[in-house]
Amino acid sequence: MSEPEALHEGPALEDPEACTQEAAAGVATLAATYDLYFASRHYEQRYPVPNPATLAFLLAQELHHAQAVLDLGCGNGRYGLALLQAGCASLTGCDPSQGALSEFRRHLEVHPGRDRVRLVQGGVEALSLEDRFDVVLMLFGVLGLVGGRARRIATLRALRARCLPGARLVLTVPSAWRRLPGLRLCAWWQGLWHPSAGRGSRDIRFQRHFGGRTYEFPYHLYGAGELRQELAEGGWRLVLLEAESVLPESWVCRHPWLARLDAWLRPWTPAFLGYGMRALALPL
């Protein structure tokens, strides 16, 4: 079963020069919010462990045998540390949030593979042009947080330029068919009356409550066709797309019995009806 074609169309690529300052400001604001998110410990309470299905997928693809793994948007190291524990030769964790990297360093203090880790604050632009990787991870919807379409495709192209021959990209993105339908509807309605306010109902803002306040996070929700198109424009060929989970990720990360139920439901669920979609891509 495939995603209906009606949702495949994506917006045209914006002028990268025109959106540079806005993108930089957006990244700084998002990083500051995530600093507070991690400092509150709310993130670790919601996601104490990796998504079991995604971690199992990484190991089934034998990504723990990689020589050089880049975990872009690594957060506190939920997935990178697991691959390091399983045997990957080196890991570069990259995240704009200093709070996230501080938590990552705290976990590394007792990790036997800490000498094989390099942490970099920032996005892909913070990496050296000489860096090369045979595995790239963009998990937990990181691509949907990057910014507008131009910035997302530029990020994918920058990753492609830093990949060794035969490299693999694994990413997860939120599904437009499942996530936050109320906010999608509001964004669509606002777009009818104020076209300049956004690019359509897939650009939404979700809320988290922590530290006694409410914070908003920008998010881009994906359809399967749109993801395939952006990957292709970024220099990647989509080779596998599946549902990441059927139930919300915070549920399956906190409750093992729900993770087992989700494992039973997932094989029967088309990718676009998953709570998130998990993709494997190869360089073009």
C-alpha atoms as a PDB file:
ATOM      1  CA  MET A   1       0.000   0.000   0.000  1.00  0.00           C
ATOM      2  CA  SER A   2       1.466   3.341  -0.986  1.00  0.00           C
ATOM      3  CA  GLU A   3       0.786   6.899   0.007  1.00  0.00           C
ATOM      4  CA  PRO A   4      -1.962   8.578  -2.053  1.00  0.00           C
ATOM      5  CA  GLU A   5      -0.499  10.780  -4.758  1.00  0.00           C
ATOM      6  CA  ALA A   6      -2.442  13.844  -3.615  1.00  0.00           C
ATOM      7  CA  LEU A   7       0.123  14.504  -0.876  1.00  0.00           C
ATOM      8  CA  HIS A   8       3.235  13.985  -2.961  1.00  0.00           C
ATOM      9  CA  GLU A   9       3.701  17.528  -4.156  1.00  0.00           C
ATOM     10  CA  GLY A  10       6.187  19.669  -2.259  1.00  0.00           C
ATOM     11  CA  PRO A  11       6.875  23.393  -2.399  1.00  0.00           C
ATOM     12  CA  ALA A  12       9.412  24.805  -4.792  1.00  0.00           C
ATOM     13  CA  LEU A  13      12.975  25.205  -3.570  1.00  0.00           C
ATOM     14  CA  GLU A  14      13.498  28.658  -2.066  1.00  0.00           C
ATOM     15  CA  ASP A  15      16.476  30.844  -2.912  1.00  0.00           C
ATOM     16  CA  PRO A  16      19.206  29.677  -0.477  1.00  0.00           C
ATOM     17  CA  GLU A  17      20.706  33.161  -0.257  1.00  0.00           C
ATOM     18  CA  ALA A  18      17.371  34.730   0.646  1.00  0.00           C
ATOM     19  CA  CYS A  19      16.762  32.409   3.587  1.00  0.00           C
ATOM     20  CA  THR A  20      20.296  32.277   5.091  1.00  0.00           C
ATOM     21  CA  GLN A  21      19.802  34.872   7.845  1.00  0.00           C
ATOM     22  CA  GLU A  22      16.346  33.584   8.757  1.00  0.00           C
ATOM     23  CA  ALA A  23      17.669  30.008   8.906  1.00  0.00           C
ATOM     24  CA  ALA A  24      20.598  30.999  11.137  1.00  0.00           C
ATOM     25  CA  ALA A  25      18.284  32.819  13.530  1.00  0.00           C
ATOM     26  CA  GLY A  26      15.939  29.835  13.569  1.00  0.00           C
ATOM     27  CA  VAL A  27      18.764  27.429  14.397  1.00  0.00           C
ATOM     28  CA  ALA A  28      19.980  29.642  17.246  1.00  0.00           C
ATOM     29  CA  THR A  29      16.488  29.878  18.716  1.00  0.00           C
ATOM     30  CA  LEU A  30      15.898  26.135  18.396  1.00  0.00           C
ATOM     31  CA  ALA A  31      19.277  25.351  19.983  1.00  0.00           C
ATOM     32  CA  ALA A  32      18.510  27.652  22.941  1.00  0.00           C
ATOM     33  CA  THR A  33      15.140  25.955  23.439  1.00  0.00           C
ATOM     34  CA  TYR A  34      16.745  22.515  23.354  1.00  0.00           C
ATOM     35  CA  ASP A  35      19.324  23.701  25.890  1.00  0.00           C
ATOM     36  CA  LEU A  36      16.453  24.336  28.281  1.00  0.00           C
ATOM     37  CA  TYR A  37      14.729  21.093  27.257  1.00  0.00           C
ATOM     38  CA  PHE A  38      17.747  18.995  28.218  1.00  0.00           C
ATOM     39  CA  ALA A  39      18.507  21.009  31.347  1.00  0.00           C
ATOM     40  CA  SER A  40      14.982  20.315  32.625  1.00  0.00           C
ATOM     41  CA  ARG A  41      15.539  16.521  32.247  1.00  0.00           C
ATOM     42  CA  HIS A  42      12.153  16.413  30.508  1.00  0.00           C
ATOM     43  CA  TYR A  43      13.738  14.982  27.375  1.00  0.00           C
ATOM     44  CA  GLU A  44      15.291  12.043  29.211  1.00  0.00           C
ATOM     45  CA  GLN A  45      12.033  11.372  30.989  1.00  0.00           C
ATOM     46  CA  ARG A  46      10.151  11.151  27.688  1.00  0.00           C
ATOM     47  CA  TYR A  47      12.848   9.195  25.836  1.00  0.00           C
ATOM     48  CA  PRO A  48      14.937   7.236  28.353  1.00  0.00           C
ATOM     49  CA  VAL A  49      16.112   4.699  25.745  1.00  0.00           C
ATOM     50  CA  PRO A  50      16.363   4.527  21.953  1.00  0.00           C
ATOM     51  CA  ASN A  51      13.302   3.495  20.001  1.00  0.00           C
ATOM     52  CA  PRO A  52      13.759  -0.307  20.186  1.00  0.00           C
ATOM     53  CA  ALA A  53      12.689  -0.870  16.577  1.00  0.00           C
ATOM     54  CA  THR A  54      15.038   1.779  15.190  1.00  0.00           C
ATOM     55  CA  LEU A  55      17.985   0.500  17.204  1.00  0.00           C
ATOM     56  CA  ALA A  56      17.228  -3.056  16.032  1.00  0.00           C
ATOM     57  CA  PHE A  57      17.143  -1.745  12.448  1.00  0.00           C
ATOM     58  CA  LEU A  58      20.566  -0.098  12.800  1.00  0.00           C
ATOM     59  CA  LEU A  59      22.061  -3.318  14.120  1.00  0.00           C
ATOM     60  CA  ALA A  60      20.321  -5.469  11.475  1.00  0.00           C
ATOM     61  CA  GLN A  61      21.901  -3.232   8.808  1.00  0.00           C
ATOM     62  CA  GLU A  62      25.250  -3.866  10.559  1.00  0.00           C
ATOM     63  CA  LEU A  63      25.903  -0.166  10.936  1.00  0.00           C
ATOM     64  CA  HIS A  64      27.818  -0.912  14.119  1.00  0.00           C
ATOM     65  CA  HIS A  65      30.591  -2.267  11.872  1.00  0.00           C
ATOM     66  CA  ALA A  66      31.097   1.177  10.320  1.00  0.00           C
ATOM     67  CA  GLN A  67      34.472   2.858  10.396  1.00  0.00           C
ATOM     68  CA  ALA A  68      33.154   6.405  10.768  1.00  0.00           C
ATOM     69  CA  VAL A  69      29.619   7.245  11.893  1.00  0.00           C
ATOM     70  CA  LEU A  70      28.169  10.752  11.826  1.00  0.00           C
ATOM     71  CA  ASP A  71      25.182  11.246  14.121  1.00  0.00           C
ATOM     72  CA  LEU A  72      23.754  14.578  12.978  1.00  0.00           C
ATOM     73  CA  GLY A  73      21.371  15.941  15.589  1.00  0.00           C
ATOM     74  CA  CYS A  74      22.826  13.459  18.039  1.00  0.00           C
ATOM     75  CA  GLY A  75      21.060  14.869  21.100  1.00  0.00           C
ATOM     76  CA  ASN A  76      22.251  13.149  24.261  1.00  0.00           C
ATOM     77  CA  GLY A  77      23.632  10.166  22.340  1.00  0.00           C
ATOM     78  CA  ARG A  78      20.719   7.735  22.529  1.00  0.00           C
ATOM     79  CA  TYR A  79      21.648   6.014  19.269  1.00  0.00           C
ATOM     80  CA  GLY A  80      25.292   6.955  18.853  1.00  0.00           C
ATOM     81  CA  LEU A  81      26.262   5.475  22.201  1.00  0.00           C
ATOM     82  CA  ALA A  82      24.471   2.230  21.355  1.00  0.00           C
ATOM     83  CA  LEU A  83      26.392   1.887  18.069  1.00  0.00           C
ATOM     84  CA  LEU A  84      29.605   2.735  19.871  1.00  0.00           C
ATOM     85  CA  GLN A  85      28.878   0.044  22.446  1.00  0.00           C
ATOM     86  CA  ALA A  86      28.205  -2.424  19.617  1.00  0.00           C
ATOM     87  CA  GLY A  87      31.590  -1.764  18.033  1.00  0.00           C
ATOM     88  CA  CYS A  88      31.682   1.096  15.500  1.00  0.00           C
ATOM     89  CA  ALA A  89      35.229   2.347  15.028  1.00  0.00           C
ATOM     90  CA  SER A  90      34.547   6.069  15.495  1.00  0.00           C
ATOM     91  CA  LEU A  91      31.595   8.331  16.136  1.00  0.00           C
ATOM     92  CA  THR A  92      31.113  12.033  15.473  1.00  0.00           C
ATOM     93  CA  GLY A  93      28.155  13.532  17.299  1.00  0.00           C
ATOM     94  CA  CYS A  94      26.968  16.854  15.920  1.00  0.00           C
ATOM     95  CA  ASP A  95      24.232  19.007  17.464  1.00  0.00           C
ATOM     96  CA  PRO A  96      23.506  22.761  17.684  1.00  0.00           C
ATOM     97  CA  SER A  97      22.413  22.418  21.328  1.00  0.00           C
ATOM     98  CA  GLN A  98      25.168  22.767  23.896  1.00  0.00           C
ATOM     99  CA  GLY A  99      22.762  21.341  26.455  1.00  0.00           C
ATOM    100  CA  ALA A 100      22.379  18.171  24.414  1.00  0.00           C
ATOM    101  CA  LEU A 101      26.139  17.805  24.021  1.00  0.00           C
ATOM    102  CA  SER A 102      26.654  18.348  27.744  1.00  0.00           C
ATOM    103  CA  GLU A 103      24.335  15.423  28.417  1.00  0.00           C
ATOM    104  CA  PHE A 104      26.203  13.362  25.818  1.00  0.00           C
ATOM    105  CA  ARG A 105      29.513  14.118  27.565  1.00  0.00           C
ATOM    106  CA  ARG A 106      28.010  13.129  30.900  1.00  0.00           C
ATOM    107  CA  HIS A 107      27.072   9.715  29.481  1.00  0.00           C
ATOM    108  CA  LEU A 108      30.541   9.352  27.963  1.00  0.00           C
ATOM    109  CA  GLU A 109      32.217   9.698  31.340  1.00  0.00           C
ATOM    110  CA  VAL A 110      31.414   6.065  32.121  1.00  0.00           C
ATOM    111  CA  HIS A 111      31.414   4.723  28.562  1.00  0.00           C
ATOM    112  CA  PRO A 112      34.295   2.411  27.557  1.00  0.00           C
ATOM    113  CA  GLY A 113      34.322   3.805  24.005  1.00  0.00           C
ATOM    114  CA  ARG A 114      34.607   7.471  24.953  1.00  0.00           C
ATOM    115  CA  ASP A 115      38.021   7.809  23.277  1.00  0.00           C
ATOM    116  CA  ARG A 116      36.421   7.006  19.918  1.00  0.00           C
ATOM    117  CA  VAL A 117      33.966   9.916  20.082  1.00  0.00           C
ATOM    118  CA  ARG A 118      34.208  13.474  18.807  1.00  0.00           C
ATOM    119  CA  LEU A 119      31.467  15.979  19.631  1.00  0.00           C
ATOM    120  CA  VAL A 120      30.859  19.060  17.481  1.00  0.00           C
ATOM    121  CA  GLN A 121      28.470  21.893  18.269  1.00  0.00           C
ATOM    122  CA  GLY A 122      26.484  23.081  15.267  1.00  0.00           C
ATOM    123  CA  GLY A 123      24.976  21.665  12.103  1.00  0.00           C
ATOM    124  CA  VAL A 124      26.657  20.006   9.161  1.00  0.00           C
ATOM    125  CA  GLU A 125      28.403  23.307   8.373  1.00  0.00           C
ATOM    126  CA  ALA A 126      30.411  22.908  11.605  1.00  0.00           C
ATOM    127  CA  LEU A 127      32.150  19.830  10.194  1.00  0.00           C
ATOM    128  CA  SER A 128      35.437  19.989   8.337  1.00  0.00           C
ATOM    129  CA  LEU A 129      35.322  19.698   4.561  1.00  0.00           C
ATOM    130  CA  GLU A 130      37.826  16.852   4.938  1.00  0.00           C
ATOM    131  CA  ASP A 131      35.546  14.779   7.182  1.00  0.00           C
ATOM    132  CA  ARG A 132      34.364  11.545   5.570  1.00  0.00           C
ATOM    133  CA  PHE A 133      31.809   9.038   6.856  1.00  0.00           C
ATOM    134  CA  ASP A 134      30.496   5.669   5.781  1.00  0.00           C
ATOM    135  CA  VAL A 135      27.317   5.941   7.892  1.00  0.00           C
ATOM    136  CA  VAL A 136      25.211   9.042   8.509  1.00  0.00           C
ATOM    137  CA  LEU A 137      22.342   9.106  11.000  1.00  0.00           C
ATOM    138  CA  MET A 138      19.593  11.731  11.122  1.00  0.00           C
ATOM    139  CA  LEU A 139      17.226  10.165  13.619  1.00  0.00           C
ATOM    140  CA  PHE A 140      14.335  11.351  15.763  1.00  0.00           C
ATOM    141  CA  GLY A 141      12.957  13.616  13.028  1.00  0.00           C
ATOM    142  CA  VAL A 142      16.077  15.789  12.789  1.00  0.00           C
ATOM    143  CA  LEU A 143      15.539  16.609   9.111  1.00  0.00           C
ATOM    144  CA  GLY A 144      12.113  18.028   9.955  1.00  0.00           C
ATOM    145  CA  LEU A 145      13.756  20.411  12.438  1.00  0.00           C
ATOM    146  CA  VAL A 146      16.440  21.719  10.094  1.00  0.00           C
ATOM    147  CA  GLY A 147      14.345  24.538   8.628  1.00  0.00           C
ATOM    148  CA  GLY A 148      12.853  25.390   5.241  1.00  0.00           C
ATOM    149  CA  ARG A 149      13.084  23.207   2.178  1.00  0.00           C
ATOM    150  CA  ALA A 150      16.164  24.973   0.805  1.00  0.00           C
ATOM    151  CA  ARG A 151      18.062  24.409   4.042  1.00  0.00           C
ATOM    152  CA  ARG A 152      16.985  20.768   4.260  1.00  0.00           C
ATOM    153  CA  ILE A 153      18.200  20.031   0.747  1.00  0.00           C
ATOM    154  CA  ALA A 154      21.423  21.975   1.318  1.00  0.00           C
ATOM    155  CA  THR A 155      22.015  19.850   4.419  1.00  0.00           C
ATOM    156  CA  LEU A 156      21.469  16.640   2.464  1.00  0.00           C
ATOM    157  CA  ARG A 157      23.880  17.832  -0.229  1.00  0.00           C
ATOM    158  CA  ALA A 158      26.509  18.738   2.366  1.00  0.00           C
ATOM    159  CA  LEU A 159      26.176  15.275   3.883  1.00  0.00           C
ATOM    160  CA  ARG A 160      26.505  13.690   0.442  1.00  0.00           C
ATOM    161  CA  ALA A 161      29.755  15.601  -0.108  1.00  0.00           C
ATOM    162  CA  ARG A 162      31.199  14.187   3.121  1.00  0.00           C
ATOM    163  CA  CYS A 163      30.392  10.543   2.418  1.00  0.00           C
ATOM    164  CA  LEU A 164      32.693   7.731   1.460  1.00  0.00           C
ATOM    165  CA  PRO A 165      31.791   5.473  -1.494  1.00  0.00           C
ATOM    166  CA  GLY A 166      29.021   3.085  -0.509  1.00  0.00           C
ATOM    167  CA  ALA A 167      27.953   5.201   2.453  1.00  0.00           C
ATOM    168  CA  ARG A 168      24.487   4.807   3.934  1.00  0.00           C
ATOM    169  CA  LEU A 169      22.115   7.405   5.325  1.00  0.00           C
ATOM    170  CA  VAL A 170      19.477   6.396   7.867  1.00  0.00           C
ATOM    171  CA  LEU A 171      16.891   8.953   8.849  1.00  0.00           C
ATOM    172  CA  THR A 172      13.508   9.111  10.505  1.00  0.00           C
ATOM    173  CA  VAL A 173      10.906  11.780   9.832  1.00  0.00           C
ATOM    174  CA  PRO A 174       7.440  12.525  11.234  1.00  0.00           C
ATOM    175  CA  SER A 175       4.549  11.380   9.063  1.00  0.00           C
ATOM    176  CA  ALA A 176       2.199  14.043   7.708  1.00  0.00           C
ATOM    177  CA  TRP A 177      -0.653  11.539   7.782  1.00  0.00           C
ATOM    178  CA  ARG A 178      -0.389  10.827  11.488  1.00  0.00           C
ATOM    179  CA  ARG A 179       1.190  13.661  13.392  1.00  0.00           C
ATOM    180  CA  LEU A 180      -0.580  16.553  15.021  1.00  0.00           C
ATOM    181  CA  PRO A 181      -3.592  16.771  12.676  1.00  0.00           C
ATOM    182  CA  GLY A 182      -5.068  19.707  14.575  1.00  0.00           C
ATOM    183  CA  LEU A 183      -1.972  21.860  14.099  1.00  0.00           C
ATOM    184  CA  ARG A 184      -1.764  20.839  10.452  1.00  0.00           C
ATOM    185  CA  LEU A 185      -5.351  21.957   9.940  1.00  0.00           C
ATOM    186  CA  CYS A 186      -4.689  25.302  11.638  1.00  0.00           C
ATOM    187  CA  ALA A 187      -1.584  25.881   9.504  1.00  0.00           C
ATOM    188  CA  TRP A 188      -3.549  25.049   6.357  1.00  0.00           C
ATOM    189  CA  TRP A 189      -6.329  27.456   7.354  1.00  0.00           C
ATOM    190  CA  GLN A 190      -3.865  30.257   8.103  1.00  0.00           C
ATOM    191  CA  GLY A 191      -2.188  29.619   4.773  1.00  0.00           C
ATOM    192  CA  LEU A 192      -5.464  30.245   2.959  1.00  0.00           C
ATOM    193  CA  TRP A 193      -5.741  33.743   4.388  1.00  0.00           C
ATOM    194  CA  HIS A 194      -2.060  34.574   4.839  1.00  0.00           C
ATOM    195  CA  PRO A 195      -0.012  32.780   2.139  1.00  0.00           C
ATOM    196  CA  SER A 196       3.211  34.413   3.331  1.00  0.00           C
ATOM    197  CA  ALA A 197       2.813  32.858   6.781  1.00  0.00           C
ATOM    198  CA  GLY A 198       4.040  29.466   5.719  1.00  0.00           C
ATOM    199  CA  ARG A 199       4.460  26.872   3.019  1.00  0.00           C
ATOM    200  CA  GLY A 200       1.385  24.832   3.811  1.00  0.00           C
ATOM    201  CA  SER A 201      -0.067  22.535   6.390  1.00  0.00           C
ATOM    202  CA  ARG A 202       3.071  20.412   6.741  1.00  0.00           C
ATOM    203  CA  ASP A 203       5.009  23.178   8.511  1.00  0.00           C
ATOM    204  CA  ILE A 204       3.701  23.159  12.056  1.00  0.00           C
ATOM    205  CA  ARG A 205       4.733  24.116  15.573  1.00  0.00           C
ATOM    206  CA  PHE A 206       4.295  21.710  18.462  1.00  0.00           C
ATOM    207  CA  GLN A 207       4.440  22.478  22.158  1.00  0.00           C
ATOM    208  CA  ARG A 208       6.303  20.966  25.083  1.00  0.00           C
ATOM    209  CA  HIS A 209       5.736  21.885  28.730  1.00  0.00           C
ATOM    210  CA  PHE A 210       8.802  21.865  30.982  1.00  0.00           C
ATOM    211  CA  GLY A 211      10.443  24.056  33.582  1.00  0.00           C
ATOM    212  CA  GLY A 212       7.096  25.649  34.358  1.00  0.00           C
ATOM    213  CA  ARG A 213       6.731  27.093  30.854  1.00  0.00           C
ATOM    214  CA  THR A 214       5.415  26.171  27.430  1.00  0.00           C
ATOM    215  CA  TYR A 215       7.828  26.127  24.506  1.00  0.00           C
ATOM    216  CA  GLU A 216       7.177  25.826  20.781  1.00  0.00           C
ATOM    217  CA  PHE A 217       9.219  23.779  18.316  1.00  0.00           C
ATOM    218  CA  PRO A 218       8.977  24.188  14.519  1.00  0.00           C
ATOM    219  CA  TYR A 219       8.548  20.911  12.667  1.00  0.00           C
ATOM    220  CA  HIS A 220       8.100  19.830   9.077  1.00  0.00           C
ATOM    221  CA  LEU A 221       5.870  16.799   8.552  1.00  0.00           C
ATOM    222  CA  TYR A 222       6.620  14.514   5.615  1.00  0.00           C
ATOM    223  CA  GLY A 223       4.786  12.517   3.019  1.00  0.00           C
ATOM    224  CA  ALA A 224       6.588   9.588   1.424  1.00  0.00           C
ATOM    225  CA  GLY A 225       6.783  11.172  -2.014  1.00  0.00           C
ATOM    226  CA  GLU A 226       8.076  14.447  -0.644  1.00  0.00           C
ATOM    227  CA  LEU A 227      10.824  12.683   1.297  1.00  0.00           C
ATOM    228  CA  ARG A 228      11.881  10.756  -1.797  1.00  0.00           C
ATOM    229  CA  GLN A 229      12.009  13.986  -3.804  1.00  0.00           C
ATOM    230  CA  GLU A 230      14.049  15.919  -1.237  1.00  0.00           C
ATOM    231  CA  LEU A 231      16.505  13.064  -0.890  1.00  0.00           C
ATOM    232  CA  ALA A 232      16.951  12.924  -4.666  1.00  0.00           C
ATOM    233  CA  GLU A 233      17.562  16.681  -4.871  1.00  0.00           C
ATOM    234  CA  GLY A 234      20.041  16.301  -2.036  1.00  0.00           C
ATOM    235  CA  GLY A 235      22.000  13.601  -3.874  1.00  0.00           C
ATOM    236  CA  TRP A 236      20.507  10.469  -2.302  1.00  0.00           C
ATOM    237  CA  ARG A 237      18.505   7.506  -3.572  1.00  0.00           C
ATOM    238  CA  LEU A 238      15.804   6.160  -1.286  1.00  0.00           C
ATOM    239  CA  VAL A 239      16.082   2.362  -1.131  1.00  0.00           C
ATOM    240  CA  LEU A 240      13.873   1.501   1.852  1.00  0.00           C
ATOM    241  CA  LEU A 241      10.964   3.234   3.562  1.00  0.00           C
ATOM    242  CA  GLU A 242       8.938   1.773   6.416  1.00  0.00           C
ATOM    243  CA  ALA A 243       6.933   2.757   9.469  1.00  0.00           C
ATOM    244  CA  GLU A 244       9.231   3.573  12.363  1.00  0.00           C
ATOM    245  CA  SER A 245       6.510   2.988  14.930  1.00  0.00           C
ATOM    246  CA  VAL A 246       2.733   2.849  15.043  1.00  0.00           C
ATOM    247  CA  LEU A 247       2.426   4.190  18.577  1.00  0.00           C
ATOM    248  CA  PRO A 248       3.968   7.499  19.715  1.00  0.00           C
ATOM    249  CA  GLU A 249       7.704   7.174  20.243  1.00  0.00           C
ATOM    250  CA  SER A 250       7.611   8.356  23.848  1.00  0.00           C
ATOM    251  CA  TRP A 251       5.265   5.452  24.616  1.00  0.00           C
ATOM    252  CA  VAL A 252       7.433   2.727  23.118  1.00  0.00           C
ATOM    253  CA  CYS A 253      10.576   4.200  24.723  1.00  0.00           C
ATOM    254  CA  ARG A 254       9.045   4.213  28.218  1.00  0.00           C
ATOM    255  CA  HIS A 255       6.896   1.088  28.244  1.00  0.00           C
ATOM    256  CA  PRO A 256       8.381  -2.233  27.072  1.00  0.00           C
ATOM    257  CA  TRP A 257       4.969  -3.879  26.736  1.00  0.00           C
ATOM    258  CA  LEU A 258       3.867  -1.134  24.330  1.00  0.00           C
ATOM    259  CA  ALA A 259       7.107  -1.609  22.397  1.00  0.00           C
ATOM    260  CA  ARG A 260       6.240  -5.297  22.015  1.00  0.00           C
ATOM    261  CA  LEU A 261       2.730  -4.410  20.829  1.00  0.00           C
ATOM    262  CA  ASP A 262       4.201  -1.901  18.397  1.00  0.00           C
ATOM    263  CA  ALA A 263       6.584  -4.557  17.062  1.00  0.00           C
ATOM    264  CA  TRP A 264       3.581  -6.702  16.211  1.00  0.00           C
ATOM    265  CA  LEU A 265       1.663  -3.861  14.534  1.00  0.00           C
ATOM    266  CA  ARG A 266       4.507  -2.319  12.522  1.00  0.00           C
ATOM    267  CA  PRO A 267       4.923  -4.976   9.790  1.00  0.00           C
ATOM    268  CA  TRP A 268       1.256  -4.502   8.875  1.00  0.00           C
ATOM    269  CA  THR A 269       1.443  -0.714   8.739  1.00  0.00           C
ATOM    270  CA  PRO A 270       2.302   1.207   5.541  1.00  0.00           C
ATOM    271  CA  ALA A 271       5.150   3.682   5.963  1.00  0.00           C
ATOM    272  CA  PHE A 272       2.980   6.769   5.564  1.00  0.00           C
ATOM    273  CA  LEU A 273       0.618   5.622   8.345  1.00  0.00           C
ATOM    274  CA  GLY A 274       3.411   5.185  10.864  1.00  0.00           C
ATOM    275  CA  TYR A 275       3.837   7.722  13.645  1.00  0.00           C
ATOM    276  CA  GLY A 276       7.185   8.270  11.961  1.00  0.00           C
ATOM    277  CA  MET A 277       8.829   6.921   8.806  1.00  0.00           C
ATOM    278  CA  ARG A 278      12.263   5.282   8.758  1.00  0.00           C
ATOM    279  CA  ALA A 279      14.314   5.560   5.570  1.00  0.00           C
ATOM    280  CA  LEU A 280      17.540   4.111   4.203  1.00  0.00           C
ATOM    281  CA  ALA A 281      19.248   5.967   1.371  1.00  0.00           C
ATOM    282  CA  LEU A 282      22.390   5.568  -0.712  1.00  0.00           C
ATOM    283  CA  PRO A 283      24.410   8.262  -2.533  1.00  0.00           C
ATOM    284  CA  LEU A 284      23.431   8.932  -6.124  1.00  0.00           C
END
